[in-house]
Amino acid sequence: MMLWKTNRHIKLCQMMKGDKVMRKATGTFPISTILIVCCLGGIASGFSGGNGSEGEPYQISNKTQLEQVNNDLSAHYILLNSIDLTGTTYPQPVIAPFVSASTSGLTGSFDGDGHAIIGASVQASGSNYIGLFGYVRAGGEIKNLGVENCNMRGRYEVGGLVGRVSAGTFTNCYTTGQVNGSGKVGGLAGYNDGGDFIKCHSTAQVTSPSSRVGGLLGFHSNGGVITDSYATGPVQGTDYVGGLVGQSGTNGTISRSYYDGSVIGSGLSIGGLVGISEGTISDCYSTGSVRGNDWVGGLAGGHCSSSGASSYSMSRCYSDAFVEATSTNPTSGACGITAVNGGVLTACFWDVESCDTDVAYTIKSGSYPNYVYTPVYNNPGATEGKTTVEMRTRSTFTGAGWDFNAETTNGTDDLWHMPYGVADSPMLSLQRDIPGDWGGRYGVDTTDFTILAEAWGLSVGNAGYNDVCDLVDDDTIGIDDFALFIQNWLAGIY
């Protein structure tokens, strides 16, 4: 996933107007001294520039400055370049280690500006809230930041980017590497209590000997939002294990997101997208493989409420993951979409040929400990099993109300498209798979041509240069890029 970079002008100092100088009773300061003081004022705090305000964030260019963020977690920061922490092992989060809910946590902003923190290693197996950032609370914002080749190990609430989130916003962030913890462990964040994750992804390997383990988030609840996000790293735990999220609690929302990888759980509620969900899931899919003991679903291991919540749903979702359950319990086992259903399902599909089961989902009714499980093999309008060919046919989905490109009956947001040039199941609009398709609508057309024309002839460093148009990756927008663009003209347009 590409992080967009923006040209930023670094203001080092403000030149004094006129020829006035500062005077004290003891004498007059030379103009050269005043200019030096003026220019150094922006870095007097130890940063490369800025004053920590939203308009003039502190500028970070090295490891020492990165660590100094802890001196003021309410200020605003921006990276000037990637920073390599390889070789340093931290006993606590590099930034914002947890002290208490009221006295710690990032409440300012941290803008990676398209750069990454590389090789961050936090080894704290006996501590909670472990990640590059330990704790982010209301008002905190992290954006445009990569965490590459991380090695995070903690007890509970462990993530590659952040351990615990209490509100806050995360946009265009990603992680790679490995994350380990004893519970509530995620590739990006361990525990999310009301935060929003937008256009984020993780390829990190996530492992736990316990529960609530997810490729992106371990636990997600309390009105938190995940949208336009994905995970692809292997995920392994015991209970409540999901490719994207381990447990999505009451009022958690997941939309326009997917998982593609391997999920393994030795216990209960194992799902390709979510281990167990009590919230809302829409326009999502899972692929790859899902293996567990019991309550194993291609999309969700369980879609049911333990808190008595009545409003939770799953709509316009599909799974073509291989699903397998080791339990011989006839009341649950493996299901194409969700092993245990208690909410509303609408227009969902699963590939009956890729699955090791012929059950779409199982309805749980009754009360503990005398639950009654009723398997549902096919339920038109709710969840339907389809052949592989049908799963690769556009009309299967548009006929059920899915919003695809080049149709307006089901909406104009073009949330889905069929992959270009290959036979496969639908892809989300965030997976734009045609070179030259930049304009926000799926397919290469006049909108994309205008974007190319506006950047024509420009190189890296020129105002107006747009690196998405650099299709041949030579730092200049020219004839070679146009040649590749024209090869795909009208591709994806139906």
Protein backbone atom coordinates (compact mmCIF):
# COMPACT_ATOMS: atom_id res chain seq x y z
CA MET A 1 0.00 0.00 0.00
CA MET A 2 1.43 3.36 -0.97
CA LEU A 3 1.56 6.16 1.57
CA TRP A 4 1.01 9.50 -0.12
CA LYS A 5 3.74 12.05 0.35
CA THR A 6 3.21 15.79 0.34
CA ASN A 7 5.71 18.55 -0.32
CA ARG A 8 6.33 20.48 2.83
CA HIS A 9 8.26 23.70 3.20
CA ILE A 10 10.34 23.75 6.34
CA LYS A 11 10.40 27.11 7.98
CA LEU A 12 13.74 27.51 9.74
CA CYS A 13 13.41 31.06 10.96
CA GLN A 14 11.69 34.34 10.31
CA MET A 15 13.97 37.13 9.17
CA MET A 16 13.71 40.34 11.10
CA LYS A 17 12.35 43.34 9.25
CA GLY A 18 14.33 46.54 9.15
CA ASP A 19 17.61 47.09 10.96
CA LYS A 20 16.35 47.21 14.52
CA VAL A 21 18.27 45.25 17.12
CA MET A 22 17.38 44.14 20.63
CA ARG A 23 18.87 46.28 23.36
CA LYS A 24 19.40 45.69 27.03
CA ALA A 25 20.82 47.92 29.67
CA THR A 26 24.10 46.13 29.37
CA GLY A 27 24.52 46.77 25.67
CA THR A 28 23.45 45.88 22.14
CA PHE A 29 23.32 42.40 20.55
CA PRO A 30 24.84 42.19 17.06
CA ILE A 31 22.39 41.44 14.27
CA SER A 32 24.23 38.17 13.50
CA THR A 33 23.62 36.92 17.03
CA ILE A 34 19.94 37.74 16.80
CA LEU A 35 19.58 35.87 13.52
CA ILE A 36 21.29 32.81 14.98
CA VAL A 37 18.99 32.85 18.00
CA CYS A 38 16.00 33.31 15.70
CA CYS A 39 16.95 30.40 13.50
CA LEU A 40 17.76 28.13 16.41
CA GLY A 41 14.50 28.96 18.14
CA GLY A 42 12.69 26.28 16.16
CA ILE A 43 15.15 23.61 17.25
CA ALA A 44 15.78 24.79 20.80
CA SER A 45 13.57 21.94 21.98
CA GLY A 46 15.93 19.41 20.40
CA PHE A 47 13.96 18.82 17.20
CA SER A 48 14.93 19.68 13.64
CA GLY A 49 12.35 22.47 13.46
CA GLY A 50 8.78 23.44 14.27
CA ASN A 51 7.25 24.57 17.53
CA GLY A 52 4.89 21.67 18.25
CA SER A 53 1.73 23.41 17.12
CA GLU A 54 -0.67 21.88 14.63
CA GLY A 55 0.48 24.29 11.94
CA GLU A 56 4.20 23.98 12.78
CA PRO A 57 4.72 20.44 14.13
CA TYR A 58 8.02 19.44 15.67
CA GLN A 59 10.20 17.90 12.95
CA ILE A 60 11.81 14.53 13.69
CA SER A 61 14.83 13.27 11.78
CA ASN A 62 16.63 10.86 14.13
CA LYS A 63 16.24 8.33 16.92
CA THR A 64 16.94 10.78 19.74
CA GLN A 65 14.26 13.16 18.55
CA LEU A 66 11.81 10.27 18.18
CA GLU A 67 12.31 9.34 21.83
CA GLN A 68 11.84 12.98 22.88
CA VAL A 69 8.21 12.84 21.77
CA ASN A 70 7.58 11.50 25.28
CA ASN A 71 8.41 14.93 26.71
CA ASP A 72 5.14 16.34 25.37
CA LEU A 73 2.51 13.88 24.20
CA SER A 74 0.00 16.66 23.55
CA ALA A 75 2.15 18.32 20.88
CA HIS A 76 2.19 17.70 17.12
CA TYR A 77 5.03 15.92 15.27
CA ILE A 78 6.10 15.05 11.74
CA LEU A 79 8.80 12.74 10.38
CA LEU A 80 11.28 14.19 7.90
CA ASN A 81 12.66 10.75 6.96
CA SER A 82 12.49 7.10 7.91
CA ILE A 83 14.28 6.13 11.13
CA ASP A 84 16.03 2.79 11.66
CA LEU A 85 15.91 1.47 15.25
CA THR A 86 17.49 -1.88 14.37
CA GLY A 87 19.88 -2.98 17.11
CA THR A 88 18.07 -1.26 19.98
CA THR A 89 15.75 -3.27 22.24
CA TYR A 90 13.32 -1.25 24.32
CA PRO A 91 11.85 -2.53 27.63
CA GLN A 92 8.72 -0.43 27.07
CA PRO A 93 7.01 1.32 24.15
CA VAL A 94 9.24 3.78 22.35
CA ILE A 95 6.53 6.43 22.60
CA ALA A 96 3.75 6.93 25.17
CA PRO A 97 4.31 4.05 27.60
CA PHE A 98 1.27 3.61 29.82
CA VAL A 99 1.34 5.07 33.33
CA SER A 100 -2.32 5.78 34.02
CA ALA A 101 -5.43 6.49 31.98
CA SER A 102 -5.43 10.14 33.04
CA THR A 103 -1.72 10.99 32.98
CA SER A 104 -0.37 9.16 29.94
CA GLY A 105 -1.17 8.58 26.30
CA LEU A 106 -0.71 10.47 23.05
CA THR A 107 -3.30 13.23 22.69
CA GLY A 108 -1.46 15.20 20.00
CA SER A 109 -0.66 14.06 16.48
CA PHE A 110 2.12 12.12 14.79
CA ASP A 111 2.42 12.40 11.00
CA GLY A 112 4.79 9.92 9.37
CA ASP A 113 4.51 11.87 6.09
CA GLY A 114 4.95 8.63 4.16
CA HIS A 115 8.02 7.48 6.12
CA ALA A 116 8.56 4.46 8.38
CA ILE A 117 10.03 3.46 11.72
CA ILE A 118 12.17 0.43 10.91
CA GLY A 119 13.28 -2.42 13.16
CA ALA A 120 11.49 -1.31 16.35
CA SER A 121 11.86 -4.01 19.02
CA VAL A 122 9.98 -3.86 22.33
CA GLN A 123 10.51 -6.87 24.57
CA ALA A 124 8.26 -6.66 27.63
CA SER A 125 6.61 -10.04 28.12
CA GLY A 126 5.40 -9.10 31.62
CA SER A 127 3.89 -5.73 30.67
CA ASN A 128 0.65 -4.55 29.07
CA TYR A 129 0.00 -1.88 26.40
CA ILE A 130 2.98 -2.70 24.21
CA GLY A 131 3.73 -1.34 20.71
CA LEU A 132 5.72 1.42 19.04
CA PHE A 133 3.16 3.60 20.84
CA GLY A 134 1.94 2.25 24.15
CA TYR A 135 -1.25 4.23 24.67
CA VAL A 136 -3.27 6.62 22.50
CA ARG A 137 -6.33 8.35 23.91
CA ALA A 138 -8.99 10.85 22.86
CA GLY A 139 -7.60 13.49 20.53
CA GLY A 140 -4.60 11.41 19.55
CA GLU A 141 -3.92 10.99 15.85
CA ILE A 142 -1.37 8.90 13.94
CA LYS A 143 -1.27 9.04 10.15
CA ASN A 144 0.84 8.25 7.09
CA LEU A 145 3.17 6.05 9.13
CA GLY A 146 4.75 2.67 8.49
CA VAL A 147 6.21 0.38 11.16
CA GLU A 148 8.46 -2.02 9.29
CA ASN A 149 10.11 -5.23 10.47
CA CYS A 150 8.94 -4.71 14.06
CA ASN A 151 9.35 -7.22 16.87
CA MET A 152 6.81 -6.59 19.63
CA ARG A 153 6.37 -8.84 22.64
CA GLY A 154 4.18 -8.09 25.63
CA ARG A 155 1.54 -9.51 27.95
CA TYR A 156 -1.90 -8.08 27.15
CA GLU A 157 -2.92 -5.42 24.61
CA VAL A 158 -0.03 -5.70 22.21
CA GLY A 159 0.17 -4.28 18.67
CA GLY A 160 2.79 -3.45 16.08
CA LEU A 161 1.80 0.22 16.04
CA VAL A 162 -0.04 0.71 19.34
CA GLY A 163 -0.93 -1.37 22.37
CA ARG A 164 -4.08 0.30 23.66
CA VAL A 165 -6.40 2.82 22.04
CA SER A 166 -8.99 4.84 23.93
CA ALA A 167 -10.54 6.80 21.06
CA GLY A 168 -8.10 8.43 18.64
CA THR A 169 -7.74 8.26 14.85
CA PHE A 170 -5.37 6.19 12.69
CA THR A 171 -5.16 6.85 8.96
CA ASN A 172 -2.94 5.35 6.28
CA CYS A 173 -0.77 3.34 8.67
CA TYR A 174 0.77 -0.10 8.25
CA THR A 175 2.95 -2.67 10.02
CA THR A 176 5.24 -5.53 9.03
CA GLY A 177 7.20 -7.94 11.20
CA GLN A 178 5.97 -9.97 14.16
CA VAL A 179 3.76 -9.34 17.18
CA ASN A 180 3.46 -11.65 20.18
CA GLY A 181 1.41 -11.39 23.35
CA SER A 182 -0.64 -13.27 25.93
CA GLY A 183 -4.00 -11.87 24.79
CA LYS A 184 -5.68 -9.01 22.90
CA VAL A 185 -2.97 -8.98 20.28
CA GLY A 186 -3.13 -7.41 16.81
CA GLY A 187 -0.80 -6.74 13.93
CA LEU A 188 -1.54 -3.01 14.13
CA ALA A 189 -3.27 -2.52 17.51
CA GLY A 190 -3.96 -4.76 20.48
CA TYR A 191 -7.04 -3.18 22.09
CA ASN A 192 -9.29 -0.58 20.49
CA ASP A 193 -11.90 1.17 22.63
CA GLY A 194 -13.65 3.56 20.27
CA GLY A 195 -10.81 4.49 17.90
CA ASP A 196 -11.09 4.78 14.12
CA PHE A 197 -8.79 2.92 11.71
CA ILE A 198 -9.00 4.14 8.12
CA LYS A 199 -6.92 2.87 5.19
CA CYS A 200 -4.65 0.80 7.42
CA HIS A 201 -3.10 -2.61 6.87
CA SER A 202 -0.76 -5.18 8.35
CA THR A 203 1.28 -8.05 6.98
CA ALA A 204 2.74 -8.86 10.42
CA GLN A 205 2.74 -12.37 11.84
CA VAL A 206 0.55 -12.35 14.95
CA THR A 207 0.86 -15.09 17.57
CA SER A 208 -0.63 -15.65 21.02
CA PRO A 209 -1.15 -18.62 23.37
CA SER A 210 -4.47 -17.07 24.36
CA SER A 211 -7.55 -15.28 23.00
CA ARG A 212 -8.63 -12.17 21.06
CA VAL A 213 -6.02 -12.31 18.36
CA GLY A 214 -6.31 -10.57 14.98
CA GLY A 215 -4.21 -9.73 11.95
CA LEU A 216 -5.07 -6.02 12.30
CA LEU A 217 -6.71 -5.60 15.74
CA GLY A 218 -7.01 -7.98 18.65
CA PHE A 219 -10.08 -6.39 20.24
CA HIS A 220 -12.35 -3.75 18.65
CA SER A 221 -15.38 -2.22 20.33
CA ASN A 222 -17.35 0.74 21.70
CA GLY A 223 -18.22 2.49 18.46
CA GLY A 224 -14.79 1.97 16.91
CA VAL A 225 -14.56 1.97 13.12
CA ILE A 226 -12.42 -0.03 10.71
CA THR A 227 -12.79 0.86 7.04
CA ASP A 228 -10.82 0.45 3.80
CA SER A 229 -8.32 -1.77 5.61
CA TYR A 230 -6.84 -5.25 5.33
CA ALA A 231 -4.44 -7.83 6.75
CA THR A 232 -2.48 -10.64 5.11
CA GLY A 233 -0.14 -11.96 7.82
CA PRO A 234 -0.59 -15.39 9.47
CA VAL A 235 -2.61 -15.32 12.70
CA GLN A 236 -2.54 -17.93 15.46
CA GLY A 237 -4.16 -18.15 18.90
CA THR A 238 -6.69 -20.12 20.95
CA ASP A 239 -10.17 -18.53 21.17
CA TYR A 240 -11.63 -15.52 19.32
CA VAL A 241 -9.08 -15.57 16.53
CA GLY A 242 -9.73 -13.69 13.27
CA GLY A 243 -7.78 -12.73 10.18
CA LEU A 244 -8.60 -9.04 10.58
CA VAL A 245 -10.02 -8.80 14.13
CA GLY A 246 -10.07 -11.26 17.00
CA GLN A 247 -13.19 -9.93 18.70
CA SER A 248 -15.39 -7.10 17.44
CA GLY A 249 -17.54 -6.19 20.42
CA THR A 250 -20.73 -4.21 20.86
CA ASN A 251 -21.09 -1.37 18.34
CA GLY A 252 -17.85 -2.17 16.56
CA THR A 253 -18.05 -1.44 12.83
CA ILE A 254 -16.06 -3.06 10.04
CA SER A 255 -16.60 -2.06 6.42
CA ARG A 256 -14.87 -2.27 3.04
CA SER A 257 -12.10 -4.45 4.43
CA TYR A 258 -10.66 -7.92 3.87
CA TYR A 259 -8.29 -10.64 5.00
CA ASP A 260 -6.17 -12.89 2.80
CA GLY A 261 -4.01 -15.37 4.70
CA SER A 262 -3.93 -18.23 7.19
CA VAL A 263 -5.89 -18.26 10.47
CA ILE A 264 -5.36 -21.00 13.05
CA GLY A 265 -7.09 -21.30 16.41
CA SER A 266 -6.96 -24.22 18.81
CA GLY A 267 -10.18 -23.30 20.60
CA LEU A 268 -13.54 -21.64 19.98
CA SER A 269 -14.72 -18.89 17.56
CA ILE A 270 -12.23 -18.84 14.72
CA GLY A 271 -13.05 -16.77 11.63
CA GLY A 272 -11.48 -15.72 8.37
CA LEU A 273 -12.30 -12.04 8.98
CA VAL A 274 -13.42 -11.92 12.63
CA GLY A 275 -13.22 -14.47 15.41
CA ILE A 276 -16.45 -13.30 16.99
CA SER A 277 -18.55 -10.21 16.24
CA GLU A 278 -21.32 -8.37 18.06
CA GLY A 279 -21.22 -5.36 15.75
CA THR A 280 -21.76 -4.45 12.12
CA ILE A 281 -19.86 -5.93 9.18
CA SER A 282 -20.52 -4.76 5.64
CA ASP A 283 -18.83 -5.05 2.24
CA CYS A 284 -16.04 -7.32 3.45
CA TYR A 285 -14.52 -10.65 2.44
CA SER A 286 -12.05 -13.30 3.52
CA THR A 287 -9.95 -15.71 1.55
CA GLY A 288 -7.11 -18.09 2.32
CA SER A 289 -7.64 -20.71 5.02
CA VAL A 290 -9.31 -20.95 8.43
CA ARG A 291 -8.63 -23.83 10.79
CA GLY A 292 -9.90 -24.26 14.32
CA ASN A 293 -11.46 -26.60 16.82
CA ASP A 294 -15.08 -25.47 17.05
CA TRP A 295 -17.23 -22.57 15.87
CA VAL A 296 -15.14 -22.06 12.75
CA GLY A 297 -16.54 -19.79 10.03
CA GLY A 298 -15.22 -18.60 6.71
CA LEU A 299 -15.99 -14.99 7.62
CA ALA A 300 -16.81 -15.07 11.37
CA GLY A 301 -16.44 -17.83 13.92
CA GLY A 302 -19.39 -16.38 15.77
CA HIS A 303 -21.81 -13.57 14.96
CA CYS A 304 -23.74 -13.41 18.19
CA SER A 305 -24.15 -11.33 21.34
CA SER A 306 -23.00 -12.16 24.83
CA SER A 307 -24.15 -8.78 26.18
CA GLY A 308 -27.75 -8.91 25.03
CA ALA A 309 -27.24 -6.41 22.23
CA SER A 310 -29.98 -6.70 19.63
CA SER A 311 -28.52 -4.69 16.73
CA TYR A 312 -25.75 -6.48 14.87
CA SER A 313 -25.60 -7.44 11.24
CA MET A 314 -23.53 -8.76 8.38
CA SER A 315 -24.31 -7.62 4.84
CA ARG A 316 -22.77 -7.95 1.37
CA CYS A 317 -19.90 -10.13 2.54
CA TYR A 318 -18.39 -13.29 1.13
CA SER A 319 -15.86 -15.97 1.92
CA ASP A 320 -14.05 -18.30 -0.42
CA ALA A 321 -11.62 -19.43 2.28
CA PHE A 322 -10.92 -23.09 2.96
CA VAL A 323 -12.60 -23.80 6.31
CA GLU A 324 -11.87 -26.77 8.55
CA ALA A 325 -12.88 -27.69 12.12
CA THR A 326 -11.24 -30.45 14.14
CA SER A 327 -14.17 -30.79 16.56
CA THR A 328 -16.59 -33.65 16.02
CA ASN A 329 -19.27 -31.72 17.92
CA PRO A 330 -22.35 -31.98 15.68
CA THR A 331 -23.85 -28.79 17.08
CA SER A 332 -21.34 -26.47 15.46
CA GLY A 333 -18.06 -27.18 13.67
CA ALA A 334 -17.22 -25.52 10.34
CA CYS A 335 -19.53 -23.22 8.39
CA GLY A 336 -19.17 -21.29 5.16
CA ILE A 337 -19.92 -17.84 6.60
CA THR A 338 -20.40 -17.94 10.37
CA ALA A 339 -20.43 -20.90 12.70
CA VAL A 340 -22.85 -19.36 15.19
CA ASN A 341 -25.35 -16.74 14.03
CA GLY A 342 -27.60 -14.60 16.17
CA GLY A 343 -27.77 -11.43 14.12
CA VAL A 344 -29.09 -10.38 10.73
CA LEU A 345 -27.39 -11.70 7.57
CA THR A 346 -28.12 -10.06 4.22
CA ALA A 347 -26.83 -10.85 0.71
CA CYS A 348 -23.81 -12.89 1.83
CA PHE A 349 -22.14 -15.68 -0.19
CA TRP A 350 -19.63 -18.46 0.24
CA ASP A 351 -17.82 -20.75 -2.16
CA VAL A 352 -19.09 -24.28 -1.60
CA GLU A 353 -16.22 -25.77 -3.61
CA SER A 354 -13.43 -24.15 -1.61
CA CYS A 355 -14.88 -25.12 1.78
CA ASP A 356 -14.67 -28.33 3.78
CA THR A 357 -18.33 -27.98 4.77
CA ASP A 358 -21.77 -27.79 3.19
CA VAL A 359 -23.29 -25.69 5.98
CA ALA A 360 -23.73 -21.95 5.40
CA TYR A 361 -24.25 -20.99 9.03
CA THR A 362 -25.67 -22.26 12.30
CA ILE A 363 -28.40 -20.51 14.28
CA LYS A 364 -27.92 -20.56 18.04
CA SER A 365 -31.07 -20.31 20.16
CA GLY A 366 -32.10 -21.08 23.70
CA SER A 367 -30.08 -20.24 26.80
CA TYR A 368 -26.95 -21.47 28.53
CA PRO A 369 -26.21 -24.29 29.04
CA ASN A 370 -29.01 -25.68 26.87
CA TYR A 371 -28.32 -23.92 23.59
CA VAL A 372 -29.96 -25.31 20.48
CA TYR A 373 -27.96 -25.21 17.23
CA THR A 374 -29.77 -25.42 13.91
CA PRO A 375 -27.62 -25.77 10.77
CA VAL A 376 -28.69 -23.77 7.72
CA TYR A 377 -27.52 -25.11 4.39
CA ASN A 378 -28.79 -22.31 2.17
CA ASN A 379 -30.93 -19.27 2.89
CA PRO A 380 -31.65 -17.07 -0.16
CA GLY A 381 -31.33 -13.39 0.67
CA ALA A 382 -29.30 -14.11 3.78
CA THR A 383 -26.42 -16.46 2.91
CA GLU A 384 -26.18 -18.57 -0.20
CA GLY A 385 -23.62 -21.14 -1.21
CA LYS A 386 -22.30 -20.68 -4.75
CA THR A 387 -20.03 -22.65 -7.04
CA THR A 388 -16.60 -21.25 -7.85
CA VAL A 389 -17.82 -20.21 -11.30
CA GLU A 390 -20.79 -18.38 -9.76
CA MET A 391 -18.46 -16.64 -7.29
CA ARG A 392 -16.50 -15.33 -10.27
CA THR A 393 -19.59 -14.03 -12.04
CA ARG A 394 -20.47 -10.37 -11.61
CA SER A 395 -24.24 -10.84 -11.81
CA THR A 396 -24.20 -13.13 -8.76
CA PHE A 397 -23.47 -10.06 -6.68
CA THR A 398 -25.09 -7.20 -8.56
CA GLY A 399 -28.32 -9.18 -8.59
CA ALA A 400 -28.18 -9.22 -4.78
CA GLY A 401 -27.73 -5.46 -4.43
CA TRP A 402 -23.95 -5.14 -4.30
CA ASP A 403 -22.61 -1.75 -5.46
CA PHE A 404 -20.26 -2.50 -8.39
CA ASN A 405 -18.47 -0.23 -10.82
CA ALA A 406 -20.32 0.75 -14.00
CA GLU A 407 -23.76 0.24 -12.50
CA THR A 408 -25.98 2.65 -10.61
CA THR A 409 -28.91 0.48 -9.60
CA ASN A 410 -27.18 -0.52 -6.35
CA GLY A 411 -25.42 2.79 -5.69
CA THR A 412 -22.79 5.07 -7.17
CA ASP A 413 -19.85 4.49 -4.81
CA ASP A 414 -18.41 1.62 -6.90
CA LEU A 415 -17.40 -0.37 -3.82
CA TRP A 416 -16.70 -3.61 -5.73
CA HIS A 417 -15.27 -4.76 -9.03
CA MET A 418 -14.29 -8.02 -10.68
CA PRO A 419 -10.50 -8.38 -10.96
CA TYR A 420 -9.11 -7.30 -14.29
CA GLY A 421 -7.59 -9.93 -16.58
CA VAL A 422 -8.09 -12.94 -14.27
CA ALA A 423 -10.99 -15.13 -13.17
CA ASP A 424 -11.48 -14.60 -9.44
CA SER A 425 -13.98 -13.51 -6.80
CA PRO A 426 -14.79 -9.79 -6.38
CA MET A 427 -12.31 -7.25 -5.09
CA LEU A 428 -12.90 -4.05 -3.18
CA SER A 429 -12.34 -0.62 -4.69
CA LEU A 430 -9.33 -0.12 -2.41
CA GLN A 431 -7.64 -2.89 -4.43
CA ARG A 432 -7.26 -0.97 -7.64
CA ASP A 433 -5.44 -3.49 -9.80
CA ILE A 434 -5.03 -1.70 -13.16
CA PRO A 435 -2.06 0.61 -13.80
CA GLY A 436 -3.45 4.03 -14.64
CA ASP A 437 -6.66 3.66 -12.62
CA TRP A 438 -6.33 6.65 -10.28
CA GLY A 439 -9.48 8.70 -10.54
CA GLY A 440 -11.63 7.23 -7.79
CA ARG A 441 -13.81 5.19 -10.16
CA TYR A 442 -12.79 1.74 -11.23
CA GLY A 443 -11.49 1.65 -14.79
CA VAL A 444 -9.05 3.72 -16.87
CA ASP A 445 -10.85 6.64 -18.49
CA THR A 446 -10.74 10.39 -19.18
CA THR A 447 -10.58 11.23 -15.47
CA ASP A 448 -7.31 9.33 -15.21
CA PHE A 449 -6.01 10.92 -18.42
CA THR A 450 -6.55 14.36 -16.87
CA ILE A 451 -4.52 13.36 -13.82
CA LEU A 452 -1.68 12.18 -16.06
CA ALA A 453 -1.80 15.34 -18.15
CA GLU A 454 -1.55 17.59 -15.08
CA ALA A 455 1.67 15.84 -14.02
CA TRP A 456 3.15 15.52 -17.53
CA GLY A 457 6.84 16.32 -17.85
CA LEU A 458 7.39 16.79 -14.12
CA SER A 459 10.04 15.08 -12.03
CA VAL A 460 10.53 14.38 -8.32
CA GLY A 461 10.92 17.71 -6.56
CA ASN A 462 8.82 19.68 -9.05
CA ALA A 463 5.64 21.27 -7.74
CA GLY A 464 2.71 19.25 -9.06
CA TYR A 465 4.67 16.01 -9.50
CA ASN A 466 2.39 13.06 -8.78
CA ASP A 467 4.27 9.80 -8.21
CA VAL A 468 1.20 7.63 -8.81
CA CYS A 469 1.54 8.60 -12.47
CA ASP A 470 5.14 7.36 -12.54
CA LEU A 471 4.16 3.92 -13.82
CA VAL A 472 7.70 2.94 -14.82
CA ASP A 473 9.19 4.27 -11.57
CA ASP A 474 11.91 6.51 -13.05
CA ASP A 475 10.97 9.66 -11.06
CA THR A 476 9.73 11.46 -14.18
CA ILE A 477 6.30 11.57 -15.81
CA GLY A 478 6.90 11.03 -19.53
CA ILE A 479 6.35 9.01 -22.66
CA ASP A 480 7.15 5.63 -21.08
CA ASP A 481 4.42 6.20 -18.50
CA PHE A 482 2.00 7.25 -21.22
CA ALA A 483 2.77 4.09 -23.22
CA LEU A 484 1.83 1.88 -20.29
CA PHE A 485 -1.20 4.03 -19.53
CA ILE A 486 -2.55 3.80 -23.08
CA GLN A 487 -2.17 0.00 -23.06
CA ASN A 488 -4.81 -0.05 -20.31
CA TRP A 489 -7.11 2.54 -21.84
CA LEU A 490 -10.74 1.70 -20.95
CA ALA A 491 -9.63 -1.39 -19.02
CA GLY A 492 -12.13 -2.24 -16.32
CA ILE A 493 -14.92 -0.22 -17.93
CA TYR A 494 -18.02 -2.30 -18.45
